[in-house]
Protein backbone atom coordinates (compact mmCIF):
# COMPACT_ATOMS: atom_id res chain seq x y z
CA MET A 1 126.45 99.15 109.96
CA LEU A 2 126.53 98.34 106.30
CA GLU A 3 128.73 95.27 106.71
CA ILE A 4 126.51 93.76 109.37
CA LEU A 5 123.34 94.38 107.37
CA LEU A 6 124.93 92.69 104.23
CA ALA A 7 126.06 89.81 106.52
CA LEU A 8 122.51 89.37 107.83
CA ASN A 9 121.08 89.50 104.23
CA THR A 10 123.60 86.90 103.12
CA LEU A 11 122.67 84.56 106.09
CA TRP A 12 118.93 84.91 105.52
CA PHE A 13 119.14 84.49 101.80
CA PHE A 14 121.38 81.34 102.20
CA MET A 15 118.88 80.04 104.72
CA GLY A 16 116.12 80.60 102.07
CA PHE A 17 118.15 78.80 99.48
CA ASN A 18 118.88 75.95 101.83
CA VAL A 19 115.18 75.36 102.67
CA PHE A 20 113.64 76.14 99.27
CA SER A 21 116.32 74.35 97.13
CA LEU A 22 118.31 71.86 99.11
CA ARG A 23 115.64 70.81 101.71
CA ASN A 24 112.53 71.49 99.43
CA ASP A 25 110.40 68.72 100.99
CA ILE A 26 110.60 70.41 104.40
CA PHE A 27 109.54 73.66 102.69
CA ALA A 28 106.56 71.92 101.28
CA LYS A 29 105.74 70.23 104.54
CA VAL A 30 105.56 73.57 106.34
CA LEU A 31 102.95 74.78 103.84
CA VAL A 32 100.94 71.64 103.13
CA PRO A 33 98.85 69.84 105.91
CA LYS A 34 99.72 66.21 106.56
CA GLU A 35 96.54 64.86 105.13
CA GLN A 36 97.22 66.49 101.77
CA ARG A 37 100.82 65.50 101.28
CA ASP A 38 100.16 62.39 99.24
CA THR A 39 98.73 64.45 96.39
CA PRO A 40 100.61 65.48 93.18
CA VAL A 41 100.28 69.07 94.30
CA PHE A 42 102.67 68.47 97.19
CA GLU A 43 105.41 67.29 94.81
CA ILE A 44 104.74 70.31 92.45
CA LEU A 45 105.10 72.63 95.55
CA SER A 46 108.19 70.89 96.68
CA GLN A 47 109.94 71.22 93.23
CA SER A 48 108.81 74.76 92.75
CA GLY A 49 110.69 75.62 95.91
CA ARG A 50 113.81 75.05 94.18
CA PHE A 51 112.90 77.94 91.87
CA LEU A 52 112.52 80.19 94.87
CA GLY A 53 115.79 78.94 96.13
CA GLY A 54 117.54 80.09 93.13
CA PHE A 55 116.48 83.75 93.70
CA ASN A 56 117.64 83.49 97.28
CA PHE A 57 120.90 82.10 96.19
CA ALA A 58 121.46 84.98 93.72
CA PHE A 59 120.71 87.49 96.43
CA ALA A 60 123.04 85.82 98.92
CA VAL A 61 125.88 85.76 96.44
CA CYS A 62 125.23 89.33 95.69
CA ASN A 63 125.45 90.27 99.35
CA ILE A 64 128.69 88.28 99.71
CA LEU A 65 130.19 89.97 96.65
CA LEU A 66 129.42 93.37 98.02
CA LEU A 67 130.86 92.39 101.44
CA LEU A 68 134.05 91.46 99.82
CA ASN A 69 134.16 94.41 97.40
CA LEU A 70 132.66 97.38 99.22
CA ASP A 71 134.98 99.72 97.35
CA VAL A 72 133.17 98.96 94.05
CA PHE A 73 130.13 100.92 95.20
CA PRO A 74 131.80 103.70 97.32
CA ASP A 75 129.08 106.29 96.76
CA ASP A 76 126.41 106.50 99.43
CA LYS A 77 123.63 106.78 96.75
CA GLN A 78 124.90 103.61 95.16
CA ARG A 79 124.64 101.74 98.37
CA ALA A 80 121.19 103.19 98.97
CA ILE A 81 120.04 101.73 95.78
CA LEU A 82 121.45 98.24 96.44
CA LEU A 83 119.94 98.38 99.98
CA LEU A 84 116.69 99.39 98.62
CA VAL A 85 116.68 96.33 96.21
CA PHE A 86 117.35 94.08 99.15
CA ALA A 87 114.51 95.61 101.03
CA VAL A 88 112.24 94.94 98.12
CA ALA A 89 113.40 91.38 97.99
CA HIS A 90 112.65 90.84 101.78
CA GLY A 91 109.44 92.98 101.43
CA SER A 92 108.08 90.91 98.58
CA GLN A 93 108.36 87.81 100.66
CA PHE A 94 106.64 89.65 103.64
CA ILE A 95 103.93 91.48 101.75
CA PHE A 96 102.48 88.50 99.90
CA ASN A 97 102.09 86.71 103.03
CA VAL A 98 100.04 89.65 104.61
CA PRO A 99 96.68 88.57 102.96
CA VAL A 100 97.35 85.00 104.19
CA ALA A 101 97.92 86.09 107.71
CA ILE A 102 94.77 88.18 107.66
CA GLN A 103 92.81 85.13 106.46
CA ASN A 104 94.47 83.24 109.30
CA ARG A 105 93.16 85.59 111.92
CA LYS A 106 89.65 84.99 110.36
CA GLY A 107 90.21 81.26 110.76
CA GLY A 108 91.32 80.62 107.19
CA GLY A 109 94.24 80.86 104.78
CA VAL A 110 95.98 78.47 102.61
CA TRP A 111 98.80 78.00 105.13
CA GLN A 112 99.52 79.08 108.65
CA VAL A 113 101.57 82.37 108.59
CA LEU A 114 100.98 83.21 112.28
CA LYS A 115 102.45 80.12 113.84
CA GLY A 116 105.81 78.27 114.01
CA THR A 117 108.23 78.44 111.14
CA MET A 118 106.21 80.64 108.95
CA LEU A 119 105.76 83.17 111.68
CA PHE A 120 109.59 83.33 111.99
CA ILE A 121 109.98 83.74 108.33
CA PHE A 122 107.29 86.28 108.20
CA THR A 123 108.73 88.35 111.02
CA THR A 124 112.42 88.02 109.87
CA ASP A 125 111.46 89.26 106.38
CA PHE A 126 109.61 92.14 107.82
CA VAL A 127 112.60 93.15 110.15
CA LEU A 128 115.17 92.85 107.20
CA MET A 129 112.95 94.76 104.88
CA VAL A 130 112.74 97.63 107.66
CA LEU A 131 116.40 97.49 108.39
CA ASN A 132 117.39 97.68 104.74
CA LEU A 133 114.94 100.50 104.12
CA ILE A 134 116.26 102.47 107.02
CA ALA A 135 119.92 101.92 105.90
CA ALA A 136 118.94 102.90 102.39
CA GLY A 137 117.39 106.10 103.66
CA ILE A 138 120.47 106.91 105.62
CA PHE A 139 122.76 106.42 102.63
CA ALA A 140 120.37 108.32 100.39
CA TYR A 141 120.54 111.57 102.47
């Protein structure tokens, strides 16, 4: 179970790195409507994605290192702490989109969380947060 969860975390964080850092214009296009993409703000958002990608890369590398070195953290409580950190990483991506999703339901919001790519991201971050929390709870007790 732990190995599968670490592999899922790795895959998701590498996907985040890819979109935010390597394909940062695509990331910006998901958030910025077509009619506003010729503004300086679009380029600022695009470049700031690289910053977010760096965090995703670090989490992906951490998960890979854990997969390759599970014996370094043999204690269940150690593993619970690590999984809790990954749950917080996924959860922070989810929770800060909740207010935007609520605004979307009311016809507003700065970007669309409840449609297309952002809905996939929103949902996946939630699922991975929950899976990591459950696994952390199992290891903690």
